[in-house]
Amino acid sequence: MKRDFPDKFEAMAEMEHKLTDLRGEPVTMLKDQSNEAKKVVSESGVKWKQLIFLKKHFDYPELKCLDDMKPQEVKPLFDCNGFCGLNILTPKSETKNEINYQNEDY
């Protein structure tokens, strides 16, 4: 999103900061799932300490932002085999298996 739609990313980051300022505590939908972040929360008892901002917030310098995170490779949901809707000819990708873990026949 940041690379492909920088204007939208900036607007979302600004909204995140405005809502944080209005509420008086971090407002974001991103959460650090690392063991290190979970340990910090369990030791401090403050759940928002594992939140991640889109862009650094000056009032919360201890919180990470996306620039602090290691980039991850984006995996496609499926591979094109030329037969739209007939993916029975090729095995499901690992990502699709993770998403559709409840429906084994899909």
PDB file of N, CA and C in Angstrom:
ATOM      1  N   MET A   1       0.831  -1.185   0.000  1.00  0.00           N
ATOM      2  CA  MET A   1       0.000   0.000   0.000  1.00  0.00           C
ATOM      3  C   MET A   1       0.881   1.256   0.000  1.00  0.00           C
ATOM      4  N   LYS A   2       1.900   1.233   0.842  1.00  0.00           N
ATOM      5  CA  LYS A   2       2.781   2.401   0.933  1.00  0.00           C
ATOM      6  C   LYS A   2       3.499   2.642  -0.390  1.00  0.00           C
ATOM      7  N   ARG A   3       3.917   1.580  -1.046  1.00  0.00           N
ATOM      8  CA  ARG A   3       4.659   1.715  -2.304  1.00  0.00           C
ATOM      9  C   ARG A   3       3.730   2.049  -3.474  1.00  0.00           C
ATOM     10  N   ASP A   4       2.586   1.351  -3.559  1.00  0.00           N
ATOM     11  CA  ASP A   4       1.700   1.501  -4.713  1.00  0.00           C
ATOM     12  C   ASP A   4       0.748   2.688  -4.622  1.00  0.00           C
ATOM     13  N   PHE A   5       0.314   3.027  -3.420  1.00  0.00           N
ATOM     14  CA  PHE A   5      -0.629   4.129  -3.225  1.00  0.00           C
ATOM     15  C   PHE A   5      -0.159   5.034  -2.089  1.00  0.00           C
ATOM     16  N   PRO A   6       0.945   5.761  -2.292  1.00  0.00           N
ATOM     17  CA  PRO A   6       1.521   6.571  -1.210  1.00  0.00           C
ATOM     18  C   PRO A   6       0.566   7.626  -0.655  1.00  0.00           C
ATOM     19  N   ASP A   7      -0.287   8.222  -1.497  1.00  0.00           N
ATOM     20  CA  ASP A   7      -1.226   9.241  -1.007  1.00  0.00           C
ATOM     21  C   ASP A   7      -2.245   8.628  -0.050  1.00  0.00           C
ATOM     22  N   LYS A   8      -2.762   7.470  -0.396  1.00  0.00           N
ATOM     23  CA  LYS A   8      -3.727   6.791   0.475  1.00  0.00           C
ATOM     24  C   LYS A   8      -3.060   6.349   1.776  1.00  0.00           C
ATOM     25  N   PHE A   9      -1.835   5.869   1.671  1.00  0.00           N
ATOM     26  CA  PHE A   9      -1.097   5.459   2.861  1.00  0.00           C
ATOM     27  C   PHE A   9      -0.904   6.646   3.806  1.00  0.00           C
ATOM     28  N   GLU A  10      -0.496   7.784   3.264  1.00  0.00           N
ATOM     29  CA  GLU A  10      -0.288   8.980   4.073  1.00  0.00           C
ATOM     30  C   GLU A  10      -1.595   9.422   4.738  1.00  0.00           C
ATOM     31  N   ALA A  11      -2.698   9.346   3.997  1.00  0.00           N
ATOM     32  CA  ALA A  11      -3.999   9.735   4.555  1.00  0.00           C
ATOM     33  C   ALA A  11      -4.386   8.808   5.708  1.00  0.00           C
ATOM     34  N   MET A  12      -4.146   7.514   5.545  1.00  0.00           N
ATOM     35  CA  MET A  12      -4.461   6.563   6.615  1.00  0.00           C
ATOM     36  C   MET A  12      -3.582   6.810   7.838  1.00  0.00           C
ATOM     37  N   ALA A  13      -2.305   7.077   7.615  1.00  0.00           N
ATOM     38  CA  ALA A  13      -1.384   7.337   8.724  1.00  0.00           C
ATOM     39  C   ALA A  13      -1.781   8.608   9.471  1.00  0.00           C
ATOM     40  N   GLU A  14      -2.179   9.638   8.734  1.00  0.00           N
ATOM     41  CA  GLU A  14      -2.614  10.886   9.372  1.00  0.00           C
ATOM     42  C   GLU A  14      -3.888  10.663  10.180  1.00  0.00           C
ATOM     43  N   MET A  15      -4.827   9.877   9.654  1.00  0.00           N
ATOM     44  CA  MET A  15      -6.060   9.574  10.375  1.00  0.00           C
ATOM     45  C   MET A  15      -5.750   8.800  11.653  1.00  0.00           C
ATOM     46  N   GLU A  16      -4.830   7.869  11.548  1.00  0.00           N
ATOM     47  CA  GLU A  16      -4.404   7.087  12.712  1.00  0.00           C
ATOM     48  C   GLU A  16      -3.856   8.020  13.807  1.00  0.00           C
ATOM     49  N   HIS A  17      -3.046   8.989  13.429  1.00  0.00           N
ATOM     50  CA  HIS A  17      -2.470   9.940  14.394  1.00  0.00           C
ATOM     51  C   HIS A  17      -3.533  10.866  14.977  1.00  0.00           C
ATOM     52  N   LYS A  18      -4.477  11.324  14.137  1.00  0.00           N
ATOM     53  CA  LYS A  18      -5.550  12.193  14.637  1.00  0.00           C
ATOM     54  C   LYS A  18      -6.417  11.451  15.654  1.00  0.00           C
ATOM     55  N   LEU A  19      -6.780  10.201  15.337  1.00  0.00           N
ATOM     56  CA  LEU A  19      -7.602   9.409  16.255  1.00  0.00           C
ATOM     57  C   LEU A  19      -6.850   9.114  17.549  1.00  0.00           C
ATOM     58  N   THR A  20      -5.562   8.872  17.438  1.00  0.00           N
ATOM     59  CA  THR A  20      -4.732   8.643  18.631  1.00  0.00           C
ATOM     60  C   THR A  20      -4.718   9.890  19.509  1.00  0.00           C
ATOM     61  N   ASP A  21      -4.559  11.056  18.897  1.00  0.00           N
ATOM     62  CA  ASP A  21      -4.544  12.308  19.656  1.00  0.00           C
ATOM     63  C   ASP A  21      -5.893  12.568  20.328  1.00  0.00           C
ATOM     64  N   LEU A  22      -6.989  12.286  19.619  1.00  0.00           N
ATOM     65  CA  LEU A  22      -8.315  12.490  20.184  1.00  0.00           C
ATOM     66  C   LEU A  22      -8.609  11.539  21.349  1.00  0.00           C
ATOM     67  N   ARG A  23      -8.200  10.304  21.202  1.00  0.00           N
ATOM     68  CA  ARG A  23      -8.494   9.299  22.225  1.00  0.00           C
ATOM     69  C   ARG A  23      -7.541   9.364  23.414  1.00  0.00           C
ATOM     70  N   GLY A  24      -6.317   9.809  23.161  1.00  0.00           N
ATOM     71  CA  GLY A  24      -5.337   9.899  24.243  1.00  0.00           C
ATOM     72  C   GLY A  24      -4.560   8.619  24.466  1.00  0.00           C
ATOM     73  N   GLU A  25      -4.737   7.658  23.594  1.00  0.00           N
ATOM     74  CA  GLU A  25      -3.967   6.400  23.612  1.00  0.00           C
ATOM     75  C   GLU A  25      -3.872   5.890  22.183  1.00  0.00           C
ATOM     76  N   PRO A  26      -2.915   5.008  21.890  1.00  0.00           N
ATOM     77  CA  PRO A  26      -2.707   4.561  20.513  1.00  0.00           C
ATOM     78  C   PRO A  26      -3.951   3.954  19.872  1.00  0.00           C
ATOM     79  N   VAL A  27      -4.227   4.380  18.646  1.00  0.00           N
ATOM     80  CA  VAL A  27      -5.327   3.840  17.851  1.00  0.00           C
ATOM     81  C   VAL A  27      -4.736   3.361  16.539  1.00  0.00           C
ATOM     82  N   THR A  28      -4.737   2.067  16.343  1.00  0.00           N
ATOM     83  CA  THR A  28      -4.257   1.460  15.107  1.00  0.00           C
ATOM     84  C   THR A  28      -4.807   0.051  15.032  1.00  0.00           C
ATOM     85  N   MET A  29      -4.832  -0.532  13.841  1.00  0.00           N
ATOM     86  CA  MET A  29      -5.308  -1.901  13.719  1.00  0.00           C
ATOM     87  C   MET A  29      -4.152  -2.882  13.549  1.00  0.00           C
ATOM     88  N   LEU A  30      -2.927  -2.385  13.612  1.00  0.00           N
ATOM     89  CA  LEU A  30      -1.761  -3.245  13.456  1.00  0.00           C
ATOM     90  C   LEU A  30      -1.238  -3.681  14.816  1.00  0.00           C
ATOM     91  N   LYS A  31      -0.816  -4.939  14.901  1.00  0.00           N
ATOM     92  CA  LYS A  31      -0.369  -5.482  16.180  1.00  0.00           C
ATOM     93  C   LYS A  31       0.873  -6.337  15.961  1.00  0.00           C
ATOM     94  N   ASP A  32       1.867  -6.136  16.799  1.00  0.00           N
ATOM     95  CA  ASP A  32       3.101  -6.925  16.753  1.00  0.00           C
ATOM     96  C   ASP A  32       2.824  -8.284  17.399  1.00  0.00           C
ATOM     97  N   GLN A  33       2.973  -9.343  16.627  1.00  0.00           N
ATOM     98  CA  GLN A  33       2.680 -10.696  17.101  1.00  0.00           C
ATOM     99  C   GLN A  33       3.929 -11.422  17.600  1.00  0.00           C
ATOM    100  N   SER A  34       5.066 -10.736  17.657  1.00  0.00           N
ATOM    101  CA  SER A  34       6.318 -11.381  18.048  1.00  0.00           C
ATOM    102  C   SER A  34       6.307 -11.764  19.529  1.00  0.00           C
ATOM    103  N   ASN A  35       7.129 -12.739  19.871  1.00  0.00           N
ATOM    104  CA  ASN A  35       7.256 -13.161  21.268  1.00  0.00           C
ATOM    105  C   ASN A  35       7.777 -12.018  22.131  1.00  0.00           C
ATOM    106  N   GLU A  36       8.655 -11.203  21.568  1.00  0.00           N
ATOM    107  CA  GLU A  36       9.214 -10.058  22.299  1.00  0.00           C
ATOM    108  C   GLU A  36       8.100  -9.087  22.703  1.00  0.00           C
ATOM    109  N   ALA A  37       7.195  -8.780  21.781  1.00  0.00           N
ATOM    110  CA  ALA A  37       6.090  -7.859  22.073  1.00  0.00           C
ATOM    111  C   ALA A  37       5.133  -8.463  23.097  1.00  0.00           C
ATOM    112  N   LYS A  38       4.870  -9.755  22.984  1.00  0.00           N
ATOM    113  CA  LYS A  38       3.986 -10.422  23.948  1.00  0.00           C
ATOM    114  C   LYS A  38       4.598 -10.396  25.346  1.00  0.00           C
ATOM    115  N   LYS A  39       5.918 -10.521  25.407  1.00  0.00           N
ATOM    116  CA  LYS A  39       6.604 -10.483  26.698  1.00  0.00           C
ATOM    117  C   LYS A  39       6.482  -9.092  27.325  1.00  0.00           C
ATOM    118  N   VAL A  40       6.649  -8.050  26.521  1.00  0.00           N
ATOM    119  CA  VAL A  40       6.536  -6.676  27.016  1.00  0.00           C
ATOM    120  C   VAL A  40       5.137  -6.432  27.581  1.00  0.00           C
ATOM    121  N   VAL A  41       4.116  -6.929  26.883  1.00  0.00           N
ATOM    122  CA  VAL A  41       2.739  -6.749  27.345  1.00  0.00           C
ATOM    123  C   VAL A  41       2.495  -7.515  28.640  1.00  0.00           C
ATOM    124  N   SER A  42       3.000  -8.750  28.724  1.00  0.00           N
ATOM    125  CA  SER A  42       2.776  -9.535  29.941  1.00  0.00           C
ATOM    126  C   SER A  42       3.506  -8.930  31.143  1.00  0.00           C
ATOM    127  N   GLU A  43       4.665  -8.332  30.906  1.00  0.00           N
ATOM    128  CA  GLU A  43       5.413  -7.713  32.010  1.00  0.00           C
ATOM    129  C   GLU A  43       4.809  -6.381  32.441  1.00  0.00           C
ATOM    130  N   SER A  44       4.310  -5.605  31.481  1.00  0.00           N
ATOM    131  CA  SER A  44       3.801  -4.264  31.805  1.00  0.00           C
ATOM    132  C   SER A  44       2.301  -4.278  32.097  1.00  0.00           C
ATOM    133  N   GLY A  45       1.585  -5.262  31.544  1.00  0.00           N
ATOM    134  CA  GLY A  45       0.137  -5.300  31.707  1.00  0.00           C
ATOM    135  C   GLY A  45      -0.594  -4.303  30.825  1.00  0.00           C
ATOM    136  N   VAL A  46       0.128  -3.634  29.926  1.00  0.00           N
ATOM    137  CA  VAL A  46      -0.461  -2.631  29.046  1.00  0.00           C
ATOM    138  C   VAL A  46      -0.542  -3.206  27.635  1.00  0.00           C
ATOM    139  N   LYS A  47      -1.772  -3.525  27.184  1.00  0.00           N
ATOM    140  CA  LYS A  47      -1.956  -4.198  25.893  1.00  0.00           C
ATOM    141  C   LYS A  47      -1.520  -3.362  24.692  1.00  0.00           C
ATOM    142  N   TRP A  48      -1.673  -2.032  24.775  1.00  0.00           N
ATOM    143  CA  TRP A  48      -1.344  -1.239  23.597  1.00  0.00           C
ATOM    144  C   TRP A  48       0.151  -1.191  23.319  1.00  0.00           C
ATOM    145  N   LYS A  49       0.979  -1.738  24.196  1.00  0.00           N
ATOM    146  CA  LYS A  49       2.432  -1.701  23.972  1.00  0.00           C
ATOM    147  C   LYS A  49       2.869  -2.605  22.822  1.00  0.00           C
ATOM    148  N   GLN A  50       1.967  -3.434  22.290  1.00  0.00           N
ATOM    149  CA  GLN A  50       2.353  -4.256  21.148  1.00  0.00           C
ATOM    150  C   GLN A  50       1.710  -3.771  19.842  1.00  0.00           C
ATOM    151  N   LEU A  51       1.155  -2.575  19.856  1.00  0.00           N
ATOM    152  CA  LEU A  51       0.583  -2.009  18.642  1.00  0.00           C
ATOM    153  C   LEU A  51       1.672  -1.435  17.749  1.00  0.00           C
ATOM    154  N   ILE A  52       1.373  -1.336  16.465  1.00  0.00           N
ATOM    155  CA  ILE A  52       2.320  -0.815  15.475  1.00  0.00           C
ATOM    156  C   ILE A  52       1.621   0.295  14.690  1.00  0.00           C
ATOM    157  N   PHE A  53       2.248   1.456  14.609  1.00  0.00           N
ATOM    158  CA  PHE A  53       1.710   2.558  13.812  1.00  0.00           C
ATOM    159  C   PHE A  53       2.149   2.420  12.356  1.00  0.00           C
ATOM    160  N   LEU A  54       1.371   2.998  11.453  1.00  0.00           N
ATOM    161  CA  LEU A  54       1.777   3.056  10.054  1.00  0.00           C
ATOM    162  C   LEU A  54       3.024   3.933   9.920  1.00  0.00           C
ATOM    163  N   LYS A  55       3.001   5.090  10.596  1.00  0.00           N
ATOM    164  CA  LYS A  55       4.146   6.004  10.648  1.00  0.00           C
ATOM    165  C   LYS A  55       4.419   6.324  12.105  1.00  0.00           C
ATOM    166  N   LYS A  56       5.655   6.639  12.441  1.00  0.00           N
ATOM    167  CA  LYS A  56       6.056   6.946  13.817  1.00  0.00           C
ATOM    168  C   LYS A  56       5.196   8.068  14.395  1.00  0.00           C
ATOM    169  N   HIS A  57       4.733   7.876  15.620  1.00  0.00           N
ATOM    170  CA  HIS A  57       3.958   8.899  16.330  1.00  0.00           C
ATOM    171  C   HIS A  57       4.867   9.518  17.392  1.00  0.00           C
ATOM    172  N   PHE A  58       4.957  10.847  17.399  1.00  0.00           N
ATOM    173  CA  PHE A  58       5.899  11.534  18.300  1.00  0.00           C
ATOM    174  C   PHE A  58       5.564  11.346  19.774  1.00  0.00           C
ATOM    175  N   ASP A  59       4.295  11.168  20.101  1.00  0.00           N
ATOM    176  CA  ASP A  59       3.905  10.991  21.501  1.00  0.00           C
ATOM    177  C   ASP A  59       4.151   9.570  22.010  1.00  0.00           C
ATOM    178  N   TYR A  60       4.392   8.638  21.102  1.00  0.00           N
ATOM    179  CA  TYR A  60       4.622   7.233  21.478  1.00  0.00           C
ATOM    180  C   TYR A  60       5.870   6.690  20.774  1.00  0.00           C
ATOM    181  N   PRO A  61       7.038   7.233  21.094  1.00  0.00           N
ATOM    182  CA  PRO A  61       8.266   6.817  20.399  1.00  0.00           C
ATOM    183  C   PRO A  61       8.659   5.371  20.693  1.00  0.00           C
ATOM    184  N   GLU A  62       8.138   4.801  21.778  1.00  0.00           N
ATOM    185  CA  GLU A  62       8.491   3.417  22.115  1.00  0.00           C
ATOM    186  C   GLU A  62       7.751   2.397  21.245  1.00  0.00           C
ATOM    187  N   LEU A  63       6.691   2.832  20.574  1.00  0.00           N
ATOM    188  CA  LEU A  63       5.948   1.916  19.710  1.00  0.00           C
ATOM    189  C   LEU A  63       6.580   1.843  18.325  1.00  0.00           C
ATOM    190  N   LYS A  64       6.560   0.658  17.757  1.00  0.00           N
ATOM    191  CA  LYS A  64       7.118   0.464  16.420  1.00  0.00           C
ATOM    192  C   LYS A  64       6.195   1.067  15.372  1.00  0.00           C
ATOM    193  N   CYS A  65       6.767   1.271  14.184  1.00  0.00           N
ATOM    194  CA  CYS A  65       5.974   1.633  13.013  1.00  0.00           C
ATOM    195  C   CYS A  65       6.376   0.668  11.901  1.00  0.00           C
ATOM    196  N   LEU A  66       5.705   0.736  10.772  1.00  0.00           N
ATOM    197  CA  LEU A  66       5.991  -0.207   9.684  1.00  0.00           C
ATOM    198  C   LEU A  66       7.439  -0.142   9.216  1.00  0.00           C
ATOM    199  N   ASP A  67       8.039   1.033   9.291  1.00  0.00           N
ATOM    200  CA  ASP A  67       9.433   1.169   8.860  1.00  0.00           C
ATOM    201  C   ASP A  67      10.393   0.386   9.758  1.00  0.00           C
ATOM    202  N   ASP A  68       9.967   0.080  10.988  1.00  0.00           N
ATOM    203  CA  ASP A  68      10.794  -0.680  11.921  1.00  0.00           C
ATOM    204  C   ASP A  68      10.688  -2.191  11.705  1.00  0.00           C
ATOM    205  N   MET A  69       9.711  -2.611  10.907  1.00  0.00           N
ATOM    206  CA  MET A  69       9.451  -4.031  10.715  1.00  0.00           C
ATOM    207  C   MET A  69      10.228  -4.577   9.511  1.00  0.00           C
ATOM    208  N   LYS A  70      10.563  -5.847   9.597  1.00  0.00           N
ATOM    209  CA  LYS A  70      11.248  -6.514   8.491  1.00  0.00           C
ATOM    210  C   LYS A  70      10.239  -6.777   7.367  1.00  0.00           C
ATOM    211  N   PRO A  71      10.543  -6.368   6.127  1.00  0.00           N
ATOM    212  CA  PRO A  71       9.609  -6.617   5.023  1.00  0.00           C
ATOM    213  C   PRO A  71       9.420  -8.116   4.789  1.00  0.00           C
ATOM    214  N   GLN A  72       8.204  -8.494   4.417  1.00  0.00           N
ATOM    215  CA  GLN A  72       7.903  -9.894   4.132  1.00  0.00           C
ATOM    216  C   GLN A  72       7.448 -10.029   2.691  1.00  0.00           C
ATOM    217  N   GLU A  73       7.778 -11.154   2.105  1.00  0.00           N
ATOM    218  CA  GLU A  73       7.387 -11.422   0.731  1.00  0.00           C
ATOM    219  C   GLU A  73       5.884 -11.666   0.667  1.00  0.00           C
ATOM    220  N   VAL A  74       5.230 -11.034  -0.299  1.00  0.00           N
ATOM    221  CA  VAL A  74       3.803 -11.236  -0.491  1.00  0.00           C
ATOM    222  C   VAL A  74       3.619 -12.475  -1.362  1.00  0.00           C
ATOM    223  N   LYS A  75       2.851 -13.443  -0.850  1.00  0.00           N
ATOM    224  CA  LYS A  75       2.607 -14.675  -1.594  1.00  0.00           C
ATOM    225  C   LYS A  75       1.244 -14.584  -2.279  1.00  0.00           C
ATOM    226  N   PRO A  76       1.148 -15.018  -3.532  1.00  0.00           N
ATOM    227  CA  PRO A  76      -0.149 -14.979  -4.215  1.00  0.00           C
ATOM    228  C   PRO A  76      -1.118 -15.989  -3.586  1.00  0.00           C
ATOM    229  N   LEU A  77      -2.407 -15.685  -3.675  1.00  0.00           N
ATOM    230  CA  LEU A  77      -3.404 -16.595  -3.123  1.00  0.00           C
ATOM    231  C   LEU A  77      -3.556 -17.863  -3.965  1.00  0.00           C
ATOM    232  N   PHE A  78      -3.304 -17.751  -5.261  1.00  0.00           N
ATOM    233  CA  PHE A  78      -3.397 -18.933  -6.118  1.00  0.00           C
ATOM    234  C   PHE A  78      -2.493 -18.744  -7.321  1.00  0.00           C
ATOM    235  N   ASP A  79      -2.200 -19.844  -7.981  1.00  0.00           N
ATOM    236  CA  ASP A  79      -1.391 -19.815  -9.191  1.00  0.00           C
ATOM    237  C   ASP A  79      -2.307 -19.977 -10.390  1.00  0.00           C
ATOM    238  N   CYS A  80      -2.075 -19.197 -11.418  1.00  0.00           N
ATOM    239  CA  CYS A  80      -2.897 -19.288 -12.623  1.00  0.00           C
ATOM    240  C   CYS A  80      -2.468 -20.516 -13.415  1.00  0.00           C
ATOM    241  N   ASN A  81      -3.448 -21.366 -13.723  1.00  0.00           N
ATOM    242  CA  ASN A  81      -3.144 -22.554 -14.524  1.00  0.00           C
ATOM    243  C   ASN A  81      -3.840 -22.515 -15.879  1.00  0.00           C
ATOM    244  N   GLY A  82      -4.506 -21.387 -16.189  1.00  0.00           N
ATOM    245  CA  GLY A  82      -5.177 -21.260 -17.473  1.00  0.00           C
ATOM    246  C   GLY A  82      -6.611 -21.752 -17.466  1.00  0.00           C
ATOM    247  N   PHE A  83      -7.043 -22.398 -16.404  1.00  0.00           N
ATOM    248  CA  PHE A  83      -8.406 -22.896 -16.297  1.00  0.00           C
ATOM    249  C   PHE A  83      -9.092 -22.181 -15.131  1.00  0.00           C
ATOM    250  N   CYS A  84      -9.661 -21.027 -15.403  1.00  0.00           N
ATOM    251  CA  CYS A  84     -10.285 -20.247 -14.332  1.00  0.00           C
ATOM    252  C   CYS A  84     -11.384 -21.050 -13.651  1.00  0.00           C
ATOM    253  N   GLY A  85     -11.292 -21.146 -12.354  1.00  0.00           N
ATOM    254  CA  GLY A  85     -12.297 -21.870 -11.584  1.00  0.00           C
ATOM    255  C   GLY A  85     -12.083 -23.362 -11.542  1.00  0.00           C
ATOM    256  N   LEU A  86     -11.137 -23.875 -12.299  1.00  0.00           N
ATOM    257  CA  LEU A  86     -10.889 -25.323 -12.314  1.00  0.00           C
ATOM    258  C   LEU A  86      -9.525 -25.617 -11.704  1.00  0.00           C
ATOM    259  N   ASN A  87      -9.333 -25.180 -10.501  1.00  0.00           N
ATOM    260  CA  ASN A  87      -8.038 -25.350  -9.840  1.00  0.00           C
ATOM    261  C   ASN A  87      -7.838 -26.767  -9.314  1.00  0.00           C
ATOM    262  N   ILE A  88      -8.644 -27.702  -9.781  1.00  0.00           N
ATOM    263  CA  ILE A  88      -8.489 -29.081  -9.326  1.00  0.00           C
ATOM    264  C   ILE A  88      -7.299 -29.752 -10.002  1.00  0.00           C
ATOM    265  N   LEU A  89      -6.782 -29.133 -11.055  1.00  0.00           N
ATOM    266  CA  LEU A  89      -5.679 -29.740 -11.795  1.00  0.00           C
ATOM    267  C   LEU A  89      -4.319 -29.465 -11.160  1.00  0.00           C
ATOM    268  N   THR A  90      -4.260 -28.456 -10.314  1.00  0.00           N
ATOM    269  CA  THR A  90      -3.004 -28.133  -9.656  1.00  0.00           C
ATOM    270  C   THR A  90      -3.221 -28.122  -8.151  1.00  0.00           C
ATOM    271  N   PRO A  91      -2.204 -28.488  -7.398  1.00  0.00           N
ATOM    272  CA  PRO A  91      -2.360 -28.443  -5.938  1.00  0.00           C
ATOM    273  C   PRO A  91      -2.525 -27.004  -5.455  1.00  0.00           C
ATOM    274  N   LYS A  92      -3.262 -26.847  -4.356  1.00  0.00           N
ATOM    275  CA  LYS A  92      -3.472 -25.513  -3.779  1.00  0.00           C
ATOM    276  C   LYS A  92      -2.144 -24.976  -3.242  1.00  0.00           C
ATOM    277  N   SER A  93      -1.978 -23.656  -3.341  1.00  0.00           N
ATOM    278  CA  SER A  93      -0.776 -23.047  -2.795  1.00  0.00           C
ATOM    279  C   SER A  93      -0.828 -23.103  -1.272  1.00  0.00           C
ATOM    280  N   GLU A  94       0.314 -22.971  -0.647  1.00  0.00           N
ATOM    281  CA  GLU A  94       0.408 -23.008   0.809  1.00  0.00           C
ATOM    282  C   GLU A  94      -0.433 -21.899   1.440  1.00  0.00           C
ATOM    283  N   THR A  95      -0.439 -20.724   0.816  1.00  0.00           N
ATOM    284  CA  THR A  95      -1.203 -19.598   1.343  1.00  0.00           C
ATOM    285  C   THR A  95      -2.695 -19.882   1.287  1.00  0.00           C
ATOM    286  N   LYS A  96      -3.172 -20.458   0.183  1.00  0.00           N
ATOM    287  CA  LYS A  96      -4.592 -20.770   0.052  1.00  0.00           C
ATOM    288  C   LYS A  96      -4.989 -21.838   1.068  1.00  0.00           C
ATOM    289  N   ASN A  97      -4.114 -22.790   1.320  1.00  0.00           N
ATOM    290  CA  ASN A  97      -4.396 -23.803   2.334  1.00  0.00           C
ATOM    291  C   ASN A  97      -4.523 -23.167   3.708  1.00  0.00           C
ATOM    292  N   GLU A  98      -3.687 -22.179   4.013  1.00  0.00           N
ATOM    293  CA  GLU A  98      -3.747 -21.502   5.305  1.00  0.00           C
ATOM    294  C   GLU A  98      -5.049 -20.731   5.456  1.00  0.00           C
ATOM    295  N   ILE A  99      -5.486 -20.068   4.394  1.00  0.00           N
ATOM    296  CA  ILE A  99      -6.705 -19.262   4.453  1.00  0.00           C
ATOM    297  C   ILE A  99      -7.938 -20.150   4.545  1.00  0.00           C
ATOM    298  N   ASN A 100      -7.965 -21.233   3.778  1.00  0.00           N
ATOM    299  CA  ASN A 100      -9.123 -22.117   3.726  1.00  0.00           C
ATOM    300  C   ASN A 100      -8.932 -23.355   4.580  1.00  0.00           C
ATOM    301  N   TYR A 101      -8.423 -23.191   5.779  1.00  0.00           N
ATOM    302  CA  TYR A 101      -8.115 -24.334   6.621  1.00  0.00           C
ATOM    303  C   TYR A 101      -9.353 -25.104   7.061  1.00  0.00           C
ATOM    304  N   GLN A 102     -10.538 -24.477   7.045  1.00  0.00           N
ATOM    305  CA  GLN A 102     -11.737 -25.155   7.502  1.00  0.00           C
ATOM    306  C   GLN A 102     -12.400 -25.976   6.400  1.00  0.00           C
ATOM    307  N   ASN A 103     -12.185 -25.604   5.145  1.00  0.00           N
ATOM    308  CA  ASN A 103     -12.856 -26.272   4.043  1.00  0.00           C
ATOM    309  C   ASN A 103     -11.819 -27.040   3.223  1.00  0.00           C
ATOM    310  N   GLU A 104     -11.668 -28.291   3.499  1.00  0.00           N
ATOM    311  CA  GLU A 104     -10.637 -29.107   2.850  1.00  0.00           C
ATOM    312  C   GLU A 104     -10.971 -29.401   1.380  1.00  0.00           C
ATOM    313  N   ASP A 105     -12.264 -29.396   1.011  1.00  0.00           N
ATOM    314  CA  ASP A 105     -12.660 -29.771  -0.334  1.00  0.00           C
ATOM    315  C   ASP A 105     -12.660 -28.595  -1.310  1.00  0.00           C
ATOM    316  N   TYR A 106     -12.470 -27.378  -0.815  1.00  0.00           N
ATOM    317  CA  TYR A 106     -12.546 -26.204  -1.685  1.00  0.00           C
ATOM    318  C   TYR A 106     -11.288 -26.025  -2.472  1.00  0.00           C
TER     319      TYR A 106
END
